[in-house]
Protein backbone atom coordinates (compact mmCIF):
# COMPACT_ATOMS: atom_id res chain seq x y z
CA MET A 1 0.00 0.00 0.00
CA ILE A 2 1.14 3.58 -0.58
CA THR A 3 2.44 5.47 2.44
CA ALA A 4 3.53 9.08 2.81
CA PRO A 5 7.27 9.67 2.55
CA ALA A 6 8.83 10.18 5.95
CA SER A 7 11.32 12.78 4.77
CA ARG A 8 8.80 15.46 3.87
CA PRO A 9 5.38 16.41 5.31
CA ALA A 10 2.68 15.43 2.84
CA ALA A 11 1.25 18.48 1.15
CA SER A 12 -2.10 16.74 1.14
CA SER A 13 -2.13 16.74 4.96
CA THR A 14 -2.19 20.54 5.21
CA ALA A 15 -5.45 22.49 5.28
CA TYR A 16 -5.58 25.36 2.80
CA PRO A 17 -8.25 28.02 2.19
CA TYR A 18 -9.53 26.42 -1.00
CA ASN A 19 -11.67 28.47 -3.35
CA HIS A 20 -14.29 25.74 -3.62
CA GLY A 21 -16.59 27.67 -5.93
CA TYR A 22 -13.83 28.29 -8.46
CA ILE A 23 -12.51 24.72 -8.26
CA TRP A 24 -15.96 23.23 -8.83
CA LEU A 25 -16.74 25.69 -11.62
CA ILE A 26 -13.68 24.94 -13.76
CA SER A 27 -14.03 21.21 -13.06
CA ILE A 28 -17.68 21.17 -14.13
CA VAL A 29 -16.90 23.11 -17.32
CA ALA A 30 -14.11 20.66 -18.20
CA ALA A 31 -16.44 17.79 -17.37
CA LEU A 32 -18.87 18.96 -20.06
CA GLY A 33 -16.56 17.01 -22.33
CA GLY A 34 -17.80 13.96 -20.46
CA LEU A 35 -21.40 15.03 -20.98
CA LEU A 36 -20.83 15.16 -24.74
CA PHE A 37 -18.97 11.85 -24.62
CA GLY A 38 -21.96 10.17 -22.92
CA TRP A 39 -24.58 11.91 -25.04
CA ASP A 40 -22.92 11.22 -28.39
CA TRP A 41 -22.03 7.65 -27.44
CA VAL A 42 -25.50 6.54 -26.32
CA VAL A 43 -27.60 8.41 -28.87
CA CYS A 44 -26.60 5.77 -31.41
CA GLY A 45 -28.25 3.04 -29.33
CA GLY A 46 -31.59 4.88 -29.26
CA ALA A 47 -31.44 5.70 -32.97
CA LYS A 48 -30.38 2.16 -33.90
CA PRO A 49 -33.90 0.70 -34.55
CA PHE A 50 -34.59 3.56 -36.97
CA PHE A 51 -31.39 4.27 -38.91
CA GLU A 52 -30.87 0.52 -39.42
CA ARG A 53 -34.22 0.30 -41.16
CA TYR A 54 -33.57 3.53 -43.08
CA PHE A 55 -30.28 2.10 -44.41
CA HIS A 56 -31.74 -1.45 -44.79
CA ILE A 57 -29.15 -3.11 -42.52
CA GLU A 58 -31.46 -4.42 -39.79
CA THR A 59 -30.92 -8.06 -40.80
CA ASN A 60 -27.15 -7.78 -41.35
CA ALA A 61 -25.36 -8.51 -38.05
CA ALA A 62 -21.96 -7.46 -39.41
CA LEU A 63 -23.17 -4.05 -40.65
CA SER A 64 -25.17 -3.55 -37.46
CA GLY A 65 -22.04 -4.21 -35.41
CA TRP A 66 -20.04 -1.87 -37.67
CA ALA A 67 -22.59 0.96 -37.34
CA ASN A 68 -22.48 0.70 -33.55
CA SER A 69 -18.72 0.24 -33.23
CA CYS A 70 -17.23 2.37 -36.03
CA ALA A 71 -17.04 5.46 -33.81
CA LEU A 72 -14.45 3.59 -31.77
CA ILE A 73 -12.00 3.86 -34.67
CA GLY A 74 -12.25 7.62 -34.27
CA CYS A 75 -11.92 7.23 -30.50
CA LEU A 76 -8.57 5.51 -31.00
CA VAL A 77 -7.40 8.36 -33.25
CA GLY A 78 -8.59 10.94 -30.73
CA ALA A 79 -6.89 9.15 -27.86
CA LEU A 80 -3.63 8.99 -29.83
CA ALA A 81 -3.92 12.70 -30.60
CA THR A 82 -4.32 13.36 -26.89
CA GLY A 83 -0.88 11.94 -26.19
CA VAL A 84 0.83 13.50 -29.19
CA LEU A 85 -0.74 16.97 -28.92
CA SER A 86 -1.81 17.64 -25.31
CA ASP A 87 1.77 17.81 -23.99
CA ARG A 88 2.65 20.21 -26.80
CA PHE A 89 -0.41 22.46 -27.04
CA GLY A 90 -1.98 22.04 -23.61
CA ARG A 91 -5.19 20.50 -22.31
CA LYS A 92 -7.44 23.52 -22.91
CA ARG A 93 -6.89 23.92 -26.66
CA LEU A 94 -7.63 20.27 -27.39
CA LEU A 95 -10.78 20.35 -25.28
CA ILE A 96 -11.94 23.32 -27.36
CA ALA A 97 -11.15 21.36 -30.53
CA SER A 98 -13.23 18.43 -29.27
CA ALA A 99 -16.21 20.74 -28.71
CA VAL A 100 -16.01 21.98 -32.31
CA ILE A 101 -15.79 18.43 -33.68
CA PHE A 102 -18.78 17.32 -31.57
CA ALA A 103 -20.91 20.15 -33.00
CA VAL A 104 -19.94 19.56 -36.64
CA THR A 105 -20.32 15.77 -36.59
CA SER A 106 -23.68 15.79 -34.82
CA ILE A 107 -25.10 17.90 -37.66
CA GLY A 108 -23.34 15.70 -40.20
CA ASN A 109 -24.95 12.54 -38.83
CA GLY A 110 -28.32 14.21 -38.77
CA LEU A 111 -28.04 15.08 -42.48
CA ALA A 112 -26.51 11.78 -43.70
CA GLU A 113 -28.34 10.31 -46.68
CA THR A 114 -26.19 7.22 -47.27
CA PHE A 115 -24.77 4.59 -44.93
CA SER A 116 -21.19 5.45 -45.98
CA VAL A 117 -21.66 9.14 -45.13
CA PHE A 118 -23.27 8.16 -41.82
CA ILE A 119 -20.24 5.98 -40.98
CA PHE A 120 -17.83 8.80 -41.93
CA TRP A 121 -19.47 11.23 -39.49
CA ARG A 122 -19.67 8.58 -36.75
CA ILE A 123 -15.95 7.88 -37.05
CA LEU A 124 -15.09 11.60 -37.02
CA GLY A 125 -17.38 12.08 -34.02
CA GLY A 126 -15.43 9.31 -32.35
CA VAL A 127 -12.32 11.49 -32.59
CA ALA A 128 -14.07 14.05 -30.37
CA ILE A 129 -15.05 11.30 -27.92
CA GLY A 130 -11.45 10.06 -27.83
CA LEU A 131 -10.17 13.55 -27.10
CA ALA A 132 -12.74 14.42 -24.43
CA SER A 133 -12.68 11.04 -22.68
CA GLY A 134 -9.00 11.36 -21.86
CA LEU A 135 -8.54 15.11 -21.57
CA SER A 136 -11.45 15.98 -19.28
CA PRO A 137 -10.45 13.70 -16.36
CA MET A 138 -6.76 14.49 -16.89
CA TYR A 139 -7.40 18.24 -16.76
CA ILE A 140 -9.54 17.92 -13.63
CA SER A 141 -6.96 15.73 -11.87
CA GLU A 142 -4.30 18.37 -12.56
CA VAL A 143 -6.29 21.29 -11.12
CA ALA A 144 -7.88 19.42 -8.17
CA PRO A 145 -6.45 19.47 -4.64
CA ALA A 146 -5.58 15.97 -3.43
CA SER A 147 -8.36 15.81 -0.82
CA MET A 148 -11.00 16.59 -3.48
CA ARG A 149 -9.54 14.88 -6.53
CA GLY A 150 -11.62 11.70 -6.37
CA ARG A 151 -14.90 13.60 -6.20
CA LEU A 152 -13.91 16.13 -8.84
CA VAL A 153 -12.69 13.57 -11.38
CA SER A 154 -15.85 11.57 -10.66
CA ILE A 155 -17.81 14.67 -11.70
CA ASN A 156 -16.63 13.80 -15.20
CA GLN A 157 -18.38 10.43 -14.89
CA LEU A 158 -21.45 12.20 -13.49
CA THR A 159 -21.65 14.42 -16.55
CA ILE A 160 -21.18 11.34 -18.76
CA VAL A 161 -24.24 9.69 -17.22
CA VAL A 162 -26.18 12.96 -17.35
CA GLY A 163 -25.39 13.07 -21.06
CA VAL A 164 -26.46 9.43 -21.35
CA LEU A 165 -29.75 10.09 -19.55
CA VAL A 166 -30.59 13.27 -21.46
CA ALA A 167 -29.90 11.52 -24.77
CA GLN A 168 -32.05 8.57 -23.72
CA LEU A 169 -34.93 10.81 -22.63
CA LEU A 170 -34.75 12.84 -25.85
CA ASN A 171 -34.65 9.63 -27.89
CA TRP A 172 -37.75 8.35 -26.10
CA TRP A 173 -39.55 11.72 -26.39
CA LEU A 174 -38.89 11.95 -30.13
CA VAL A 175 -40.45 8.55 -30.81
CA ARG A 176 -42.93 8.38 -27.91
CA ASP A 177 -45.88 8.15 -30.32
CA LEU A 178 -44.53 5.15 -32.21
CA PRO A 179 -47.39 2.60 -32.35
CA SER A 180 -46.86 -0.57 -30.33
CA GLY A 181 -46.09 -3.53 -32.58
CA ALA A 182 -45.07 -1.34 -35.54
CA THR A 183 -43.65 -3.37 -38.41
CA ASP A 184 -40.23 -2.78 -39.96
CA GLU A 185 -41.87 -1.44 -43.12
CA PHE A 186 -44.03 1.01 -41.15
CA ILE A 187 -41.01 2.28 -39.18
CA ARG A 188 -38.91 2.65 -42.34
CA ASN A 189 -41.51 4.80 -44.12
CA SER A 190 -42.76 6.78 -41.11
CA TRP A 191 -41.51 10.10 -39.71
CA PHE A 192 -39.65 8.07 -37.07
CA GLY A 193 -37.65 6.13 -39.65
CA GLN A 194 -37.12 9.04 -42.03
CA HIS A 195 -36.49 12.02 -39.74
CA GLY A 196 -36.84 11.19 -36.02
CA TRP A 197 -33.47 9.48 -35.68
CA ARG A 198 -31.80 12.45 -37.42
CA TRP A 199 -32.93 14.79 -34.64
CA MET A 200 -31.46 12.42 -32.07
CA PHE A 201 -28.02 13.06 -33.53
CA ALA A 202 -28.44 16.73 -34.47
CA LEU A 203 -29.50 17.85 -30.99
CA THR A 204 -26.01 17.02 -29.71
CA ALA A 205 -24.89 20.32 -31.27
CA ALA A 206 -26.58 22.31 -28.47
CA PRO A 207 -24.43 21.08 -25.54
CA SER A 208 -21.38 21.17 -27.85
CA LEU A 209 -21.76 24.95 -28.20
CA LEU A 210 -22.22 25.30 -24.42
CA PHE A 211 -18.98 23.38 -23.86
CA LEU A 212 -17.16 25.52 -26.41
CA ILE A 213 -18.24 28.76 -24.73
CA GLY A 214 -17.41 27.47 -21.24
CA MET A 215 -13.90 26.33 -22.19
CA ALA A 216 -13.06 29.85 -23.36
CA PHE A 217 -13.16 30.99 -19.71
CA VAL A 218 -11.28 28.22 -17.85
CA PRO A 219 -7.51 28.37 -17.25
CA GLU A 220 -4.88 26.03 -18.65
CA SER A 221 -3.73 23.16 -16.42
CA PRO A 222 -1.20 24.57 -13.91
CA ARG A 223 0.85 21.35 -14.03
CA TRP A 224 1.11 21.61 -17.81
CA LEU A 225 2.20 25.23 -17.42
CA LEU A 226 4.89 24.24 -14.89
CA LYS A 227 6.12 21.47 -17.16
CA ASN A 228 6.47 24.02 -19.97
CA GLY A 229 8.34 26.63 -17.95
CA ARG A 230 5.40 28.99 -17.40
CA ALA A 231 5.68 29.12 -13.62
CA GLU A 232 4.23 32.63 -13.24
CA GLU A 233 0.94 31.67 -14.93
CA ALA A 234 0.79 28.42 -12.95
CA THR A 235 1.35 30.31 -9.69
CA ARG A 236 -1.56 32.66 -10.40
CA ILE A 237 -3.92 29.75 -11.06
CA LEU A 238 -2.78 27.71 -8.05
CA THR A 239 -3.06 30.79 -5.82
CA ARG A 240 -6.64 31.29 -6.96
CA ILE A 241 -7.35 27.64 -6.22
CA GLY A 242 -5.91 27.46 -2.71
CA GLY A 243 -3.99 30.59 -1.74
CA SER A 244 -0.30 31.50 -1.90
CA ALA A 245 0.85 28.84 0.58
CA TYR A 246 -0.93 26.14 -1.40
CA ALA A 247 0.63 27.41 -4.64
CA ALA A 248 4.12 27.36 -3.08
CA ALA A 249 3.63 23.82 -1.74
CA GLU A 250 2.32 22.48 -5.06
CA ILE A 251 5.15 24.08 -7.03
CA ALA A 252 7.72 22.67 -4.58
CA GLU A 253 6.18 19.18 -4.89
CA ASN A 254 6.22 19.46 -8.66
CA ALA A 255 9.84 20.61 -8.70
CA ALA A 256 10.90 17.73 -6.42
CA THR A 257 9.63 15.15 -8.92
CA ALA A 258 10.72 17.13 -12.01
CA ASN A 259 14.28 17.32 -10.70
CA THR A 260 14.55 13.54 -10.81
CA GLU A 261 13.89 13.48 -14.59
CA ASN A 262 15.37 15.16 -17.62
CA SER A 263 13.45 18.07 -19.05
CA ARG A 264 12.97 16.86 -22.62
CA PRO A 265 9.40 16.28 -23.85
CA ALA A 266 7.87 12.92 -23.04
CA ARG A 267 7.93 10.20 -25.69
CA LEU A 268 5.83 7.07 -25.97
CA ALA A 269 9.07 5.09 -25.62
CA ASP A 270 9.47 6.53 -22.11
CA LEU A 271 6.50 4.42 -21.05
CA LEU A 272 8.71 1.32 -21.31
CA ASP A 273 11.11 2.65 -18.66
CA PRO A 274 11.59 -0.25 -16.21
CA ARG A 275 10.52 2.02 -13.33
CA LEU A 276 7.20 2.72 -15.03
CA ARG A 277 6.27 -0.65 -16.48
CA LYS A 278 4.21 -1.77 -13.50
CA VAL A 279 2.20 1.42 -13.19
CA PHE A 280 1.75 1.58 -16.97
CA ALA A 281 0.53 -2.02 -17.07
CA LEU A 282 -1.82 -1.28 -14.17
CA GLY A 283 -3.41 1.60 -16.06
CA ILE A 284 -3.79 -0.44 -19.26
CA VAL A 285 -5.38 -3.45 -17.53
CA LEU A 286 -7.85 -1.29 -15.58
CA ALA A 287 -8.84 0.60 -18.73
CA VAL A 288 -9.43 -2.63 -20.67
CA PHE A 289 -11.29 -4.23 -17.78
CA GLN A 290 -13.67 -1.28 -17.48
CA GLN A 291 -14.89 -2.18 -20.98
CA TRP A 292 -14.62 -5.97 -20.96
CA CYS A 293 -16.75 -6.13 -17.84
CA GLY A 294 -19.51 -5.97 -20.47
CA ILE A 295 -21.83 -3.23 -19.25
CA ASN A 296 -21.60 -1.08 -22.37
CA VAL A 297 -23.40 -3.69 -24.47
CA ILE A 298 -26.51 -2.85 -22.43
CA PHE A 299 -26.32 0.74 -23.67
CA ASN A 300 -25.33 -0.06 -27.26
CA TYR A 301 -27.54 -3.10 -27.78
CA ALA A 302 -30.45 -2.33 -25.49
CA GLU A 303 -32.93 -3.22 -28.22
CA ASP A 304 -31.52 -6.75 -28.60
CA ILE A 305 -31.17 -7.33 -24.84
CA PHE A 306 -34.64 -6.15 -23.88
CA ARG A 307 -36.32 -7.77 -26.87
CA ALA A 308 -34.73 -11.07 -25.82
CA ALA A 309 -36.33 -10.41 -22.42
CA GLY A 310 -39.79 -10.09 -24.00
CA TYR A 311 -40.18 -6.32 -24.54
CA ASP A 312 -41.48 -4.62 -27.69
CA ILE A 313 -39.72 -1.63 -29.26
CA SER A 314 -41.81 1.00 -27.40
CA SER A 315 -41.11 -0.64 -24.03
CA VAL A 316 -37.43 -0.94 -24.95
CA LEU A 317 -37.09 2.85 -25.23
CA LYS A 318 -38.80 3.33 -21.85
CA ASN A 319 -36.49 0.75 -20.28
CA ILE A 320 -33.48 2.53 -21.77
CA ALA A 321 -34.58 5.70 -19.95
CA TRP A 322 -34.76 3.68 -16.72
CA THR A 323 -31.19 2.48 -17.22
CA GLY A 324 -30.03 6.09 -17.60
CA SER A 325 -31.85 7.15 -14.43
CA VAL A 326 -30.29 4.37 -12.35
CA ASN A 327 -26.90 5.14 -13.90
CA LEU A 328 -27.19 8.75 -12.76
CA ALA A 329 -28.50 7.97 -9.25
CA PHE A 330 -25.71 5.53 -8.39
CA THR A 331 -22.98 7.76 -9.76
CA PHE A 332 -23.81 10.03 -6.81
CA VAL A 333 -22.98 7.08 -4.54
CA ALA A 334 -19.49 7.00 -6.05
CA LEU A 335 -19.14 10.75 -5.53
CA GLY A 336 -19.96 10.32 -1.86
CA PHE A 337 -17.56 7.46 -1.19
CA VAL A 338 -14.56 7.76 -3.52
CA ASP A 339 -12.62 10.13 -1.20
CA ARG A 340 -13.86 8.42 1.98
CA ALA A 341 -13.96 4.68 1.32
CA GLY A 342 -11.17 4.89 -1.26
CA ARG A 343 -10.61 3.50 -4.73
CA ARG A 344 -9.83 -0.16 -3.95
CA PRO A 345 -13.02 -1.07 -2.05
CA LEU A 346 -15.27 0.41 -4.74
CA MET A 347 -13.37 -1.31 -7.56
CA LEU A 348 -13.60 -4.67 -5.77
CA LEU A 349 -17.30 -4.17 -5.09
CA GLY A 350 -17.93 -3.42 -8.75
CA SER A 351 -15.97 -6.42 -10.03
CA PHE A 352 -17.47 -9.12 -7.85
CA GLY A 353 -20.89 -7.47 -7.71
CA LEU A 354 -21.18 -7.47 -11.49
CA ALA A 355 -20.02 -11.09 -11.64
CA ALA A 356 -22.86 -12.08 -9.29
CA VAL A 357 -25.51 -10.12 -11.21
CA TYR A 358 -24.34 -11.54 -14.55
CA GLY A 359 -24.52 -15.05 -13.13
CA VAL A 360 -28.19 -14.59 -12.20
CA LEU A 361 -28.96 -12.70 -15.42
CA GLY A 362 -27.50 -15.50 -17.52
CA PHE A 363 -29.52 -18.09 -15.58
CA CYS A 364 -32.72 -16.12 -16.24
CA TYR A 365 -31.99 -15.94 -19.96
CA TYR A 366 -31.22 -19.67 -19.93
CA THR A 367 -34.55 -20.48 -18.27
CA HIS A 368 -36.48 -18.02 -20.48
CA VAL A 369 -37.52 -15.63 -17.73
CA THR A 370 -39.04 -12.46 -19.23
CA GLY A 371 -40.45 -9.10 -18.15
CA LEU A 372 -39.83 -7.21 -14.92
CA PRO A 373 -37.24 -9.56 -13.31
CA MET A 374 -34.97 -9.08 -16.33
CA LEU A 375 -35.33 -5.31 -16.22
CA LEU A 376 -34.49 -5.29 -12.50
CA LEU A 377 -31.37 -7.41 -13.05
CA VAL A 378 -30.17 -5.11 -15.85
CA LEU A 379 -30.74 -2.10 -13.58
CA ALA A 380 -28.83 -3.84 -10.76
CA ALA A 381 -25.86 -4.38 -13.09
CA ILE A 382 -25.89 -0.73 -14.13
CA ALA A 383 -26.17 0.42 -10.50
CA CYS A 384 -23.17 -1.69 -9.53
CA TYR A 385 -21.09 -0.43 -12.45
CA SER A 386 -22.00 3.24 -12.11
CA MET A 387 -20.93 3.40 -8.46
CA SER A 388 -17.63 1.64 -9.01
CA LEU A 389 -15.85 0.69 -12.24
CA ALA A 390 -17.33 3.50 -14.34
CA PRO A 391 -16.11 6.55 -12.39
CA ILE A 392 -13.29 5.07 -10.30
CA THR A 393 -11.34 3.70 -13.27
CA TRP A 394 -11.15 7.22 -14.72
CA VAL A 395 -10.03 8.58 -11.34
CA ILE A 396 -7.24 6.01 -11.07
CA ILE A 397 -5.83 6.31 -14.59
CA SER A 398 -5.87 10.11 -14.32
CA GLU A 399 -3.76 10.11 -11.13
CA ILE A 400 -1.29 7.19 -11.21
CA PHE A 401 0.97 8.32 -14.07
CA PRO A 402 3.98 10.63 -13.44
CA ASN A 403 3.51 14.30 -14.30
CA ARG A 404 6.03 14.43 -17.15
CA ILE A 405 4.52 11.54 -19.11
CA ARG A 406 0.90 11.85 -17.98
CA GLY A 407 -0.31 13.03 -21.40
CA ALA A 408 1.38 10.17 -23.30
CA ALA A 409 0.52 7.51 -20.71
CA MET A 410 -3.08 8.62 -20.41
CA SER A 411 -3.31 8.61 -24.19
CA VAL A 412 -2.20 4.98 -24.44
CA ALA A 413 -4.46 3.93 -21.57
CA VAL A 414 -7.47 5.59 -23.21
CA MET A 415 -6.53 4.04 -26.55
CA ALA A 416 -6.51 0.64 -24.85
CA LEU A 417 -9.90 1.42 -23.34
CA TRP A 418 -11.42 2.31 -26.69
CA LEU A 419 -9.83 -0.64 -28.45
CA ALA A 420 -11.31 -2.89 -25.76
CA CYS A 421 -14.66 -1.16 -26.24
CA PHE A 422 -14.45 -1.75 -29.99
CA VAL A 423 -13.82 -5.46 -29.43
CA LEU A 424 -16.69 -5.64 -26.93
CA THR A 425 -19.15 -3.75 -29.13
CA TYR A 426 -18.27 -5.49 -32.37
CA THR A 427 -18.26 -9.01 -30.89
CA PHE A 428 -21.52 -8.83 -28.92
CA PRO A 429 -23.81 -9.66 -31.88
CA ILE A 430 -21.50 -12.56 -32.76
CA LEU A 431 -21.32 -13.86 -29.18
CA ASN A 432 -25.05 -13.39 -28.74
CA SER A 433 -25.79 -15.45 -31.85
CA THR A 434 -23.33 -18.24 -30.98
CA LEU A 435 -23.38 -18.46 -27.16
CA GLY A 436 -26.84 -17.00 -26.67
CA ALA A 437 -27.63 -14.22 -24.18
CA ALA A 438 -27.05 -16.57 -21.22
CA GLY A 439 -23.61 -17.72 -22.35
CA THR A 440 -22.56 -14.19 -23.28
CA PHE A 441 -23.35 -12.76 -19.84
CA TRP A 442 -21.73 -15.72 -18.11
CA LEU A 443 -18.58 -14.96 -20.12
CA TYR A 444 -18.68 -11.32 -18.97
CA GLY A 445 -19.16 -12.57 -15.40
CA ALA A 446 -16.01 -14.70 -15.64
CA ILE A 447 -14.07 -11.68 -16.89
CA CYS A 448 -15.33 -9.69 -13.89
CA VAL A 449 -14.05 -12.36 -11.48
CA LEU A 450 -10.60 -12.25 -13.10
CA GLY A 451 -10.64 -8.45 -12.98
CA GLY A 452 -11.52 -8.48 -9.29
CA ILE A 453 -8.61 -10.84 -8.53
CA PHE A 454 -6.21 -8.54 -10.41
CA ILE A 455 -7.47 -5.46 -8.52
CA PHE A 456 -7.10 -7.23 -5.17
CA ALA A 457 -3.52 -8.23 -5.98
CA LYS A 458 -2.19 -5.16 -7.79
CA LEU A 459 -4.15 -1.96 -7.09
CA PRO A 460 -2.80 0.29 -4.28
CA GLU A 461 -4.94 2.88 -2.53
CA THR A 462 -4.38 6.47 -3.73
CA LYS A 463 -7.02 8.50 -1.91
CA GLY A 464 -5.87 11.72 -0.29
CA ARG A 465 -2.43 11.73 -1.95
CA THR A 466 -1.05 14.48 -4.16
CA LEU A 467 -0.13 13.47 -7.70
CA GLU A 468 3.53 13.95 -6.83
CA GLU A 469 3.27 11.71 -3.75
CA ILE A 470 1.64 8.99 -5.81
CA GLU A 471 4.35 9.36 -8.44
CA ARG A 472 7.20 8.99 -5.96
CA ASP A 473 5.81 5.78 -4.52
CA LEU A 474 4.54 4.05 -7.67
CA ALA A 475 7.69 4.81 -9.70
CA ARG A 476 10.03 3.16 -7.18
């Protein structure tokens, strides 16, 4: 377990006059990137029953999987750009770029007339998701005081689930009048199949503009400024966050770790430094596990999952809104406990809790249980995930990497996350058709057990530690 160095009082142990209003304001603005990430990601699941029929791909499992997973190609590009560009141009400029891309691609998807054009805009929109998903938590972790970092980075996950819920509610509202039992032909030729799904995508432009305006008024990351020799600007920002004594302590901590490294820009090759291999591997495995635990198939393939449980298309959209509501409610549980209970207990709870729920869910599919019990089990899985693996993984991978290579390391970790998400999303229709729903969820349950064992053996506790304290201990 991590312990404070004996040679120097931990900066995190000192009480400072934090400017809580300012800290929360800039963190919430940065976290709007998470809102757009969640909104843009989930809107595809709600629009799926309609654009598939519009493009005549509803009976083609491969094209269905491609339509729902192609954005992940863009996510990989965006995550790579985070590492290459964020250490050079800063966190703020790339977050602004992601807001612009979100706005443009949402309109592009709404206007797409062919499947190829639709795929092009989905992939480009994925670039914005890849940028925002890594940059928002990284920025927040670099401006947050140690005692508040868990809650503030978890705000990013809260905005993700708010975006998910708002998108789900808008999706349901736009097609609320769809007749029960509507045929594929009726849906294809109706307003819902011709225009309704377009509005689902196009409405994402509204929060994109809000994010763009907000980012114009937040400061650059003080740790990025220090790394790039702009100590005066960093001092002003840190002083506004916690006063002059806090600024002096943070700058001294940063200098103590910087002095142990050379000053050249970080390279991806630096991640293979023997001192960093363990922490780098830890970040990669946690990022992959957050996806391979299987929960995202519920959001991306809700229609298939709930239809297999006996629901018609109208009921599916209502159930999707329920999943978003539970997702939001239990994210607040994570906010309340991440800086009190710590990271390890919540990650272990999520891993083994999901394994148990998947075991029961698979049994119910196997015995052909339908209706309310299946909905409740799906909601239980989402509740477990949203209070543990969903927010806490982002907290951990945003805080465990050393300051100098954080941009590059975070980039690779997020790339691994999105690659794992691509594999999960693309393979679900295949697994579902070969193993059945029961076998597929039992497979996800087994992965959760293995993930829980890894977390128990390898994950240290990081709550209440400054980024520099964590760096000193993990890089030994």
